[in-house]
Amino acid sequence: MRTTTGTGGTGGTINGAISFWHARDGLAAPREPLPGDSTADVCVVGGGYTGLWTAYYLKKAVPFLNITVLEAAFCGYGASGRNGGWLYNGIAGRDRFARRHGHEPAVRLQRAMNDAVTEVIDVCAAEGIEADVHRGGVIEVARSPAQAARLRDFHSVEVAFGETDRVLRGARETAEQLRVAGAVASSWTPHGARIDPVRLVKGLAATVEALGVTIHESTPVTEIGPKRASTPYGTVRAPYVLRCTEGFTATIKGRRRDWLPMNSSMIVTEPLPAEFWDAVGWTGRETLGDMAHAYVYAQRTADDRIAIGGRGVPYRYGSRTDSDGRTQPATVAALHEILLGFFPQAARAGIDHAWSGVLGVPRDWCATVTLDRSTGLGWAGGYVGSGVAAANLAARTLRDLIQRDSGQAGATELTALPWVGHKVRKWEPEPLRWLGVRALYAAYRGADRRESAARSAETDRMARLADRISGRA
């Protein structure tokens, strides 16, 4: 592997610079900060997927609405511009919603997520957003007996929630689709696509501006209250103020313990030659995951690289977030080792870029979308890494909630979904949450090592304990 040499240099790995997706195409021209006190019909805080999709659907539904989006840095600076490019139907907390609200409401939520994948693809086509979309589905592989047992359970649960088009494959059939070293089984769903996340967020921002939405960048919101969002440059007052800040929610006054900013890191290879792809397959360009406790996610990019990610340093003390995505060399090395474990044929491939970002994790690991009708405050997020499609569903739900509240429409199928109005307790104060998260991922990594070595079909007991303590189970 080439050495990591900071932010560039001939023959080196670019480290940080926000993300590979941003570095490849360059940053968009900056938009002006908020010039002073202002008013709007709807103020959206956050220029990522949730905020931009919400502005899009509200403006399409009610074209005369005056909508202002406030973004602390630039559109796509956060997870929307740093993620692994998985547009898929995962939704955080579905099983918990099933236990609380019943199986059928959770099935409706899953169906809505399946539809959200198609919705994003259809809007990209309709609006001319070129985001390197390829609908190859999602394949998740098992590489040990314990992972295979979890995969079978996972597959059965997904089918029970309505994914009757999901396919379970053994080792031979998996290799016919994609040759991952040591893969003994896989589960594939058609409800997924590979995207370039920055091209999606750039296209979406340009689309909402063309519709007449105002976007102010370099405008951090420091405090949100009923009918107002405060910034260093002035206050925007609006009947509806929507918090769409995901992993950066802790930067807002009074919100430090709402959602934990979990760190995730990625590397991307140089473009790989035809003989590599002949050896491994992957002609369907499915997004790729596994059944390890310390989850891995990957894609084959449009220019034939492998982008692969997982947890590095999972959490920074005090809910701090990074500035430019710079990643520890040890994390880069660990991701490179995972890459070679999956694809030994990539041993000679250079690593062109490494970066990191944060995602929002609620205490019970359940995503939510809410509008407080007494204050006009709304929010959506807590996607736990599944936000590319979930943000779209959340945005359409916020649109429906606002239209219902303002008397423009009644209740809809989306406003009745079980994640609407979901409340969760705050995370523990420091140093408890720092100690807890660090111990949690140490337990998961240890469990993965022991499962690989033991070759047992039983899930490691420390991983089961970590699931219960963390609230994931």
Protein backbone atom coordinates (compact mmCIF):
# COMPACT_ATOMS: atom_id res chain seq x y z
CA MET A 1 0.00 0.00 0.00
CA ARG A 2 1.21 3.51 -0.69
CA THR A 3 1.98 5.51 2.41
CA THR A 4 -0.35 8.13 3.78
CA THR A 5 1.26 11.50 3.19
CA GLY A 6 -1.16 14.08 4.50
CA THR A 7 -3.32 15.94 1.99
CA GLY A 8 -1.61 14.82 -1.14
CA GLY A 9 1.67 14.42 -2.93
CA THR A 10 2.81 12.35 -5.86
CA GLY A 11 2.41 8.66 -5.13
CA GLY A 12 0.67 9.30 -1.80
CA THR A 13 -2.76 8.85 -0.31
CA ILE A 14 -4.83 11.98 0.08
CA ASN A 15 -6.00 12.05 3.69
CA GLY A 16 -9.02 14.17 4.48
CA ALA A 17 -9.94 16.98 2.07
CA ILE A 18 -13.53 16.23 3.17
CA SER A 19 -13.91 13.11 0.98
CA PHE A 20 -12.84 11.46 -2.26
CA TRP A 21 -16.22 12.34 -3.74
CA HIS A 22 -15.60 16.06 -3.15
CA ALA A 23 -11.94 15.95 -4.17
CA ARG A 24 -12.70 14.23 -7.47
CA ASP A 25 -15.10 16.87 -8.81
CA GLY A 26 -14.05 19.88 -6.74
CA LEU A 27 -16.21 21.99 -4.48
CA ALA A 28 -19.18 23.90 -5.82
CA ALA A 29 -19.00 27.70 -5.96
CA PRO A 30 -19.70 28.97 -2.42
CA ARG A 31 -23.08 30.45 -1.65
CA GLU A 32 -23.45 33.66 0.32
CA PRO A 33 -23.88 33.56 4.12
CA LEU A 34 -27.04 34.90 5.73
CA PRO A 35 -26.81 38.70 5.35
CA GLY A 36 -28.78 39.55 8.50
CA ASP A 37 -32.12 39.02 10.21
CA SER A 38 -34.64 37.42 7.88
CA THR A 39 -38.05 35.77 7.70
CA ALA A 40 -39.34 32.70 5.87
CA ASP A 41 -42.32 30.39 5.81
CA VAL A 42 -40.03 27.42 6.52
CA CYS A 43 -36.45 27.53 7.80
CA VAL A 44 -34.45 24.35 7.20
CA VAL A 45 -31.31 23.92 9.28
CA GLY A 46 -28.79 21.74 7.45
CA GLY A 47 -27.80 21.49 3.80
CA GLY A 48 -27.47 17.73 3.52
CA TYR A 49 -29.87 15.16 2.10
CA THR A 50 -32.58 15.60 4.73
CA GLY A 51 -32.67 19.38 4.50
CA LEU A 52 -32.42 19.59 0.71
CA TRP A 53 -34.98 16.84 0.07
CA THR A 54 -37.36 18.55 2.53
CA ALA A 55 -36.95 21.88 0.73
CA TYR A 56 -37.49 20.11 -2.61
CA TYR A 57 -40.72 18.37 -1.67
CA LEU A 58 -42.19 21.36 0.16
CA LYS A 59 -41.46 23.68 -2.76
CA LYS A 60 -42.88 21.22 -5.27
CA ALA A 61 -46.03 20.81 -3.18
CA VAL A 62 -46.52 24.53 -2.39
CA PRO A 63 -44.55 26.61 -4.91
CA PHE A 64 -45.29 29.96 -3.22
CA LEU A 65 -43.59 28.93 0.05
CA ASN A 66 -40.63 31.07 1.08
CA ILE A 67 -38.05 28.45 2.14
CA THR A 68 -34.59 29.22 3.54
CA VAL A 69 -31.89 26.59 4.05
CA LEU A 70 -29.07 27.41 6.49
CA GLU A 71 -25.86 25.38 6.18
CA ALA A 72 -22.90 25.70 8.55
CA ALA A 73 -20.25 24.92 5.91
CA PHE A 74 -21.42 24.00 2.41
CA CYS A 75 -24.08 21.66 1.06
CA GLY A 76 -22.90 18.08 1.45
CA TYR A 77 -20.15 18.91 3.95
CA GLY A 78 -21.40 16.27 6.40
CA ALA A 79 -22.45 12.67 5.91
CA SER A 80 -24.25 13.47 2.65
CA GLY A 81 -20.88 14.15 1.03
CA ARG A 82 -18.79 11.53 2.80
CA ASN A 83 -20.87 8.34 2.85
CA GLY A 84 -20.30 5.08 1.02
CA GLY A 85 -22.79 5.73 -1.77
CA TRP A 86 -25.35 3.14 -0.64
CA LEU A 87 -28.87 4.03 -1.72
CA TYR A 88 -30.67 1.15 -0.03
CA ASN A 89 -33.74 0.22 1.95
CA GLY A 90 -32.31 -0.12 5.45
CA ILE A 91 -34.10 1.72 8.24
CA ALA A 92 -32.72 2.05 11.75
CA GLY A 93 -35.00 0.68 14.47
CA ARG A 94 -37.55 -1.20 12.36
CA ASP A 95 -37.53 -4.29 14.60
CA ARG A 96 -37.96 -2.15 17.71
CA PHE A 97 -40.86 -0.34 16.05
CA ALA A 98 -42.41 -3.74 15.33
CA ARG A 99 -42.20 -4.70 18.99
CA ARG A 100 -43.70 -1.38 20.08
CA HIS A 101 -46.35 -0.80 17.41
CA GLY A 102 -46.94 -4.23 15.91
CA HIS A 103 -45.67 -6.12 12.90
CA GLU A 104 -47.89 -4.61 10.22
CA PRO A 105 -46.94 -0.95 10.89
CA ALA A 106 -43.29 -1.98 10.68
CA VAL A 107 -43.99 -3.76 7.38
CA ARG A 108 -45.49 -0.52 6.06
CA LEU A 109 -42.35 1.33 7.12
CA GLN A 110 -40.19 -1.20 5.30
CA ARG A 111 -42.29 -0.96 2.16
CA ALA A 112 -41.98 2.82 2.29
CA MET A 113 -38.20 2.43 2.48
CA ASN A 114 -38.23 0.06 -0.50
CA ASP A 115 -40.18 2.69 -2.41
CA ALA A 116 -37.76 5.43 -1.31
CA VAL A 117 -34.95 3.79 -3.29
CA THR A 118 -37.06 3.99 -6.44
CA GLU A 119 -38.17 7.53 -5.59
CA VAL A 120 -34.60 8.85 -5.41
CA ILE A 121 -33.71 7.19 -8.72
CA ASP A 122 -36.85 8.55 -10.38
CA VAL A 123 -36.24 12.12 -9.14
CA CYS A 124 -32.65 12.00 -10.37
CA ALA A 125 -33.93 11.03 -13.80
CA ALA A 126 -36.70 13.62 -13.82
CA GLU A 127 -34.47 16.48 -12.63
CA GLY A 128 -31.43 15.56 -14.69
CA ILE A 129 -29.23 14.84 -11.66
CA GLU A 130 -26.24 12.79 -12.84
CA ALA A 131 -25.21 10.83 -9.74
CA ASP A 132 -23.62 7.69 -11.21
CA VAL A 133 -26.72 5.71 -10.24
CA HIS A 134 -26.56 1.98 -10.91
CA ARG A 135 -29.34 -0.18 -9.50
CA GLY A 136 -27.56 -3.47 -8.82
CA GLY A 137 -29.10 -4.15 -5.42
CA VAL A 138 -27.28 -4.95 -2.19
CA ILE A 139 -25.33 -8.12 -1.45
CA GLU A 140 -24.34 -8.97 2.12
CA VAL A 141 -21.87 -11.80 2.59
CA ALA A 142 -20.96 -14.14 5.44
CA ARG A 143 -17.32 -15.15 5.85
CA SER A 144 -17.49 -17.41 8.92
CA PRO A 145 -19.93 -19.95 10.36
CA ALA A 146 -21.16 -17.45 12.95
CA GLN A 147 -21.72 -14.83 10.27
CA ALA A 148 -23.54 -17.41 8.14
CA ALA A 149 -25.91 -18.19 11.00
CA ARG A 150 -26.63 -14.48 11.49
CA LEU A 151 -27.09 -14.07 7.75
CA ARG A 152 -29.75 -16.79 7.62
CA ASP A 153 -31.56 -15.20 10.55
CA PHE A 154 -31.25 -11.76 8.95
CA HIS A 155 -32.56 -13.06 5.63
CA SER A 156 -35.57 -14.72 7.29
CA VAL A 157 -36.45 -11.54 9.15
CA GLU A 158 -36.22 -9.40 6.00
CA VAL A 159 -38.50 -11.81 4.15
CA ALA A 160 -40.95 -11.67 7.07
CA PHE A 161 -41.06 -7.89 6.67
CA GLY A 162 -42.13 -8.22 3.06
CA GLU A 163 -38.94 -8.61 1.04
CA THR A 164 -40.15 -11.65 -0.85
CA ASP A 165 -37.80 -10.74 -3.73
CA ARG A 166 -34.72 -11.20 -1.52
CA VAL A 167 -32.45 -14.13 -2.50
CA LEU A 168 -30.34 -16.35 -0.21
CA ARG A 169 -27.30 -17.94 -1.85
CA GLY A 170 -24.68 -20.48 -0.82
CA ALA A 171 -20.95 -20.28 -1.44
CA ARG A 172 -21.03 -21.40 -5.08
CA GLU A 173 -23.90 -19.13 -6.12
CA THR A 174 -22.32 -16.21 -4.25
CA ALA A 175 -19.06 -16.69 -6.15
CA GLU A 176 -20.97 -16.64 -9.43
CA GLN A 177 -22.19 -13.16 -8.53
CA LEU A 178 -19.16 -11.80 -6.65
CA ARG A 179 -16.01 -13.59 -5.52
CA VAL A 180 -15.26 -12.39 -1.99
CA ALA A 181 -12.50 -14.44 -0.37
CA GLY A 182 -13.89 -16.84 2.22
CA ALA A 183 -17.53 -16.05 1.52
CA VAL A 184 -19.72 -19.00 2.49
CA ALA A 185 -23.15 -17.45 1.87
CA SER A 186 -24.87 -14.24 0.87
CA SER A 187 -28.22 -12.47 0.85
CA TRP A 188 -29.16 -10.16 -2.02
CA THR A 189 -31.95 -7.63 -2.31
CA PRO A 190 -32.87 -5.64 -5.42
CA HIS A 191 -33.80 -2.62 -3.27
CA GLY A 192 -30.52 -0.81 -3.54
CA ALA A 193 -28.28 1.16 -5.86
CA ARG A 194 -24.78 2.54 -6.05
CA ILE A 195 -24.49 6.33 -6.27
CA ASP A 196 -21.91 9.08 -6.11
CA PRO A 197 -23.14 10.84 -2.97
CA VAL A 198 -21.64 14.26 -3.77
CA ARG A 199 -23.02 14.36 -7.28
CA LEU A 200 -26.43 13.63 -5.77
CA VAL A 201 -26.17 16.38 -3.14
CA LYS A 202 -24.79 18.93 -5.62
CA GLY A 203 -27.54 18.15 -8.10
CA LEU A 204 -30.18 18.36 -5.41
CA ALA A 205 -28.91 21.73 -4.15
CA ALA A 206 -28.91 23.15 -7.67
CA THR A 207 -32.42 21.80 -8.26
CA VAL A 208 -33.94 23.39 -5.16
CA GLU A 209 -32.27 26.72 -5.95
CA ALA A 210 -33.79 26.59 -9.43
CA LEU A 211 -37.18 26.07 -7.78
CA GLY A 212 -36.68 29.29 -5.79
CA VAL A 213 -35.35 28.00 -2.46
CA THR A 214 -32.76 30.24 -0.79
CA ILE A 215 -29.58 28.53 0.47
CA HIS A 216 -27.15 30.31 2.77
CA GLU A 217 -23.83 28.53 3.32
CA SER A 218 -21.09 29.32 5.87
CA THR A 219 -23.95 30.07 8.27
CA PRO A 220 -23.78 27.91 11.41
CA VAL A 221 -26.98 27.76 13.44
CA THR A 222 -26.04 28.04 17.11
CA GLU A 223 -29.48 27.78 18.66
CA ILE A 224 -32.95 26.72 17.57
CA GLY A 225 -36.13 27.80 19.33
CA PRO A 226 -39.83 28.08 18.49
CA LYS A 227 -40.15 29.97 15.22
CA ARG A 228 -36.47 31.01 15.09
CA ALA A 229 -32.99 29.84 14.15
CA SER A 230 -30.10 31.92 15.50
CA THR A 231 -26.79 32.37 13.69
CA PRO A 232 -23.76 34.68 14.16
CA TYR A 233 -25.08 36.78 11.27
CA GLY A 234 -28.68 37.16 12.31
CA THR A 235 -31.87 35.28 13.13
CA VAL A 236 -34.26 33.66 10.69
CA ARG A 237 -37.84 33.68 11.95
CA ALA A 238 -40.35 31.26 10.48
CA PRO A 239 -43.52 29.42 11.54
CA TYR A 240 -41.68 26.16 10.93
CA VAL A 241 -38.03 25.51 11.83
CA LEU A 242 -36.75 22.08 10.83
CA ARG A 243 -33.58 20.59 12.32
CA CYS A 244 -31.92 18.43 9.65
CA THR A 245 -28.42 18.24 11.14
CA GLU A 246 -27.97 14.46 11.73
CA GLY A 247 -24.46 13.79 13.09
CA PHE A 248 -23.83 17.50 13.70
CA THR A 249 -26.85 17.94 15.98
CA ALA A 250 -24.56 18.13 19.03
CA THR A 251 -23.18 21.47 17.79
CA ILE A 252 -26.52 23.17 18.50
CA LYS A 253 -27.09 24.61 21.97
CA GLY A 254 -28.95 22.18 24.23
CA ARG A 255 -28.64 19.24 21.81
CA ARG A 256 -25.28 17.76 22.77
CA ARG A 257 -26.74 14.50 24.09
CA ASP A 258 -29.60 14.02 21.60
CA TRP A 259 -27.75 12.01 18.94
CA LEU A 260 -24.26 10.68 19.25
CA PRO A 261 -21.94 11.60 16.32
CA MET A 262 -20.53 8.17 15.42
CA ASN A 263 -17.42 8.26 13.28
CA SER A 264 -17.03 6.16 10.14
CA SER A 265 -14.01 6.03 7.83
CA MET A 266 -13.39 5.10 4.20
CA ILE A 267 -10.63 4.44 1.71
CA VAL A 268 -10.79 4.24 -2.06
CA THR A 269 -8.38 2.45 -4.36
CA GLU A 270 -6.92 3.65 -7.61
CA PRO A 271 -8.89 2.51 -10.69
CA LEU A 272 -8.45 -1.26 -10.97
CA PRO A 273 -7.60 -3.01 -14.26
CA ALA A 274 -9.82 -5.32 -16.26
CA GLU A 275 -7.96 -8.42 -15.09
CA PHE A 276 -8.89 -7.62 -11.49
CA TRP A 277 -12.59 -7.46 -12.36
CA ASP A 278 -12.27 -10.64 -14.44
CA ALA A 279 -10.98 -12.35 -11.30
CA VAL A 280 -13.61 -11.10 -8.83
CA GLY A 281 -16.68 -10.54 -10.98
CA TRP A 282 -18.90 -7.82 -9.50
CA THR A 283 -20.38 -7.16 -12.92
CA GLY A 284 -23.69 -6.23 -11.30
CA ARG A 285 -22.01 -3.43 -9.31
CA GLU A 286 -24.02 -4.34 -6.23
CA THR A 287 -23.23 -2.47 -3.04
CA LEU A 288 -21.43 -4.88 -0.73
CA GLY A 289 -21.67 -5.45 3.02
CA ASP A 290 -20.94 -8.23 5.47
CA MET A 291 -22.29 -9.73 8.68
CA ALA A 292 -19.40 -8.78 10.95
CA HIS A 293 -20.24 -6.94 14.17
CA ALA A 294 -17.92 -4.10 13.11
CA TYR A 295 -19.79 -3.70 9.84
CA VAL A 296 -18.04 -3.18 6.48
CA TYR A 297 -19.59 -1.48 3.43
CA ALA A 298 -18.21 -1.13 -0.09
CA GLN A 299 -19.04 -0.23 -3.67
CA ARG A 300 -17.53 -0.56 -7.13
CA THR A 301 -17.38 3.03 -8.34
CA ALA A 302 -18.31 4.25 -11.79
CA ASP A 303 -14.61 4.54 -12.66
CA ASP A 304 -13.80 1.01 -11.41
CA ARG A 305 -12.34 1.69 -7.99
CA ILE A 306 -13.31 0.01 -4.73
CA ALA A 307 -14.54 2.34 -2.01
CA ILE A 308 -14.71 0.53 1.33
CA GLY A 309 -15.52 1.74 4.81
CA GLY A 310 -16.03 0.82 8.43
CA ARG A 311 -15.52 2.12 11.94
CA GLY A 312 -12.18 3.73 12.76
CA VAL A 313 -12.10 5.82 15.93
CA PRO A 314 -15.83 5.42 16.60
CA TYR A 315 -16.41 8.47 18.78
CA ARG A 316 -14.60 11.63 19.91
CA TYR A 317 -14.92 12.81 23.51
CA GLY A 318 -17.60 15.41 24.09
CA SER A 319 -19.47 14.66 20.85
CA ARG A 320 -16.81 16.51 18.85
CA THR A 321 -16.69 16.22 15.07
CA ASP A 322 -13.75 16.51 12.71
CA SER A 323 -13.13 19.45 10.41
CA ASP A 324 -11.88 17.99 7.15
CA GLY A 325 -12.23 14.20 7.33
CA ARG A 326 -8.61 13.49 8.21
CA THR A 327 -8.19 9.84 9.25
CA GLN A 328 -5.69 8.17 11.56
CA PRO A 329 -3.03 6.11 9.74
CA ALA A 330 -3.94 3.10 11.88
CA THR A 331 -7.52 3.29 10.59
CA VAL A 332 -6.34 3.54 6.99
CA ALA A 333 -4.15 0.47 7.53
CA ALA A 334 -7.02 -1.45 9.14
CA LEU A 335 -9.36 -0.69 6.24
CA HIS A 336 -6.66 -1.71 3.78
CA GLU A 337 -6.32 -5.01 5.63
CA ILE A 338 -10.08 -5.55 5.37
CA LEU A 339 -9.94 -4.76 1.65
CA LEU A 340 -7.25 -7.39 1.11
CA GLY A 341 -9.17 -9.88 3.25
CA PHE A 342 -12.12 -9.50 0.89
CA PHE A 343 -10.08 -9.19 -2.32
CA PRO A 344 -6.49 -10.50 -2.10
CA GLN A 345 -6.15 -9.65 -5.80
CA ALA A 346 -6.02 -5.96 -4.79
CA ALA A 347 -2.66 -6.38 -3.03
CA ARG A 348 -0.83 -4.24 -5.57
CA ALA A 349 -3.53 -1.56 -5.79
CA GLY A 350 -2.72 1.88 -4.46
CA ILE A 351 -4.99 3.68 -2.02
CA ASP A 352 -5.79 7.07 -3.48
CA HIS A 353 -7.85 8.65 -0.70
CA ALA A 354 -8.90 8.19 2.94
CA TRP A 355 -11.50 10.20 4.82
CA SER A 356 -13.93 10.13 7.74
CA GLY A 357 -17.27 11.59 8.76
CA VAL A 358 -19.97 11.30 11.40
CA LEU A 359 -23.46 9.81 11.41
CA GLY A 360 -26.23 10.38 13.94
CA VAL A 361 -26.99 7.63 16.47
CA PRO A 362 -29.94 7.92 18.91
CA ARG A 363 -29.71 6.12 22.25
CA ASP A 364 -32.08 3.38 21.10
CA TRP A 365 -30.66 3.26 17.52
CA CYS A 366 -34.05 4.25 16.04
CA ALA A 367 -34.45 6.83 13.28
CA THR A 368 -37.23 9.36 13.71
CA VAL A 369 -39.16 12.17 12.02
CA THR A 370 -41.21 14.59 14.11
CA LEU A 371 -43.13 17.87 13.97
CA ASP A 372 -44.09 19.53 17.25
CA ARG A 373 -47.33 21.25 16.36
CA SER A 374 -47.25 23.50 19.44
CA THR A 375 -43.90 25.08 18.56
CA GLY A 376 -43.47 24.55 14.82
CA LEU A 377 -40.19 22.75 15.47
CA GLY A 378 -39.48 19.66 13.42
CA TRP A 379 -36.59 17.29 12.99
CA ALA A 380 -35.54 14.11 11.26
CA GLY A 381 -32.50 11.88 11.44
CA GLY A 382 -30.79 9.35 13.66
CA TYR A 383 -30.38 7.15 10.59
CA VAL A 384 -27.40 5.21 12.03
CA GLY A 385 -25.68 5.10 8.65
CA SER A 386 -28.72 4.28 6.51
CA GLY A 387 -29.59 7.83 5.60
CA VAL A 388 -29.21 8.08 1.82
CA ALA A 389 -32.69 6.72 1.16
CA ALA A 390 -34.13 7.29 4.65
CA ALA A 391 -33.52 11.03 4.32
CA ASN A 392 -35.77 11.06 1.27
CA LEU A 393 -38.58 9.30 3.11
CA ALA A 394 -38.12 11.58 6.12
CA ALA A 395 -38.32 14.67 3.91
CA ARG A 396 -41.57 13.58 2.27
CA THR A 397 -42.93 12.82 5.73
CA LEU A 398 -41.96 16.29 7.03
CA ARG A 399 -43.71 17.77 3.99
CA ASP A 400 -46.90 15.87 4.82
CA LEU A 401 -46.71 16.78 8.52
CA ILE A 402 -46.37 20.48 7.71
CA GLN A 403 -49.17 20.39 5.17
CA ARG A 404 -51.43 18.65 7.69
CA ASP A 405 -50.52 21.14 10.43
CA SER A 406 -51.14 24.14 8.17
CA GLY A 407 -54.50 22.76 7.03
CA GLN A 408 -53.43 22.21 3.43
CA ALA A 409 -53.89 18.43 3.61
CA GLY A 410 -54.96 15.66 5.96
CA ALA A 411 -53.15 12.68 7.38
CA THR A 412 -51.31 10.49 4.88
CA GLU A 413 -49.82 7.02 4.82
CA LEU A 414 -46.44 8.56 5.58
CA THR A 415 -47.60 10.49 8.65
CA ALA A 416 -48.97 7.22 10.09
CA LEU A 417 -45.64 5.36 9.91
CA PRO A 418 -44.33 4.20 13.29
CA TRP A 419 -41.16 6.30 13.28
CA VAL A 420 -43.22 9.51 13.26
CA GLY A 421 -43.10 11.19 16.66
CA HIS A 422 -40.77 8.58 18.14
CA LYS A 423 -39.11 9.84 21.31
CA VAL A 424 -35.89 8.54 22.85
CA ARG A 425 -33.92 9.39 25.95
CA LYS A 426 -30.66 11.29 25.78
CA TRP A 427 -27.22 9.72 25.79
CA GLU A 428 -25.33 9.49 29.06
CA PRO A 429 -23.12 12.44 30.10
CA GLU A 430 -19.37 12.31 29.67
CA PRO A 431 -17.19 10.45 30.35
CA LEU A 432 -19.76 7.63 30.38
CA ARG A 433 -20.71 7.83 26.73
CA TRP A 434 -17.06 8.02 25.58
CA LEU A 435 -16.12 5.02 27.71
CA GLY A 436 -19.24 3.14 26.65
CA VAL A 437 -18.82 3.62 22.90
CA ARG A 438 -15.11 2.80 22.98
CA ALA A 439 -15.80 -0.36 24.99
CA LEU A 440 -18.68 -1.27 22.69
CA TYR A 441 -16.58 -1.28 19.53
CA ALA A 442 -13.66 -2.94 21.24
CA ALA A 443 -16.08 -5.74 22.14
CA TYR A 444 -17.35 -5.99 18.56
CA ARG A 445 -13.87 -6.12 17.06
CA GLY A 446 -12.83 -8.75 19.58
CA ALA A 447 -15.95 -10.76 18.82
CA ASP A 448 -15.19 -10.69 15.08
CA ARG A 449 -11.66 -11.98 15.71
CA ARG A 450 -12.84 -14.76 17.99
CA GLU A 451 -15.61 -15.85 15.62
CA SER A 452 -13.17 -16.08 12.72
CA ALA A 453 -10.71 -18.11 14.77
CA ALA A 454 -13.19 -20.44 16.49
CA ARG A 455 -15.16 -21.35 13.34
CA SER A 456 -18.23 -21.80 15.52
CA ALA A 457 -21.74 -21.00 14.32
CA GLU A 458 -22.52 -19.31 17.65
CA THR A 459 -22.47 -15.51 17.86
CA ASP A 460 -19.82 -14.41 20.34
CA ARG A 461 -21.34 -13.84 23.79
CA MET A 462 -19.52 -10.50 24.22
CA ALA A 463 -21.15 -9.22 21.04
CA ARG A 464 -24.58 -10.28 22.32
CA LEU A 465 -23.89 -8.50 25.61
CA ALA A 466 -22.71 -5.38 23.77
CA ASP A 467 -25.92 -5.36 21.72
CA ARG A 468 -28.04 -5.42 24.88
CA ILE A 469 -26.04 -2.75 26.69
CA SER A 470 -25.90 -0.41 23.71
CA GLY A 471 -29.61 -0.61 22.99
CA ARG A 472 -29.17 -2.18 19.55
CA ALA A 473 -30.88 -5.46 20.50
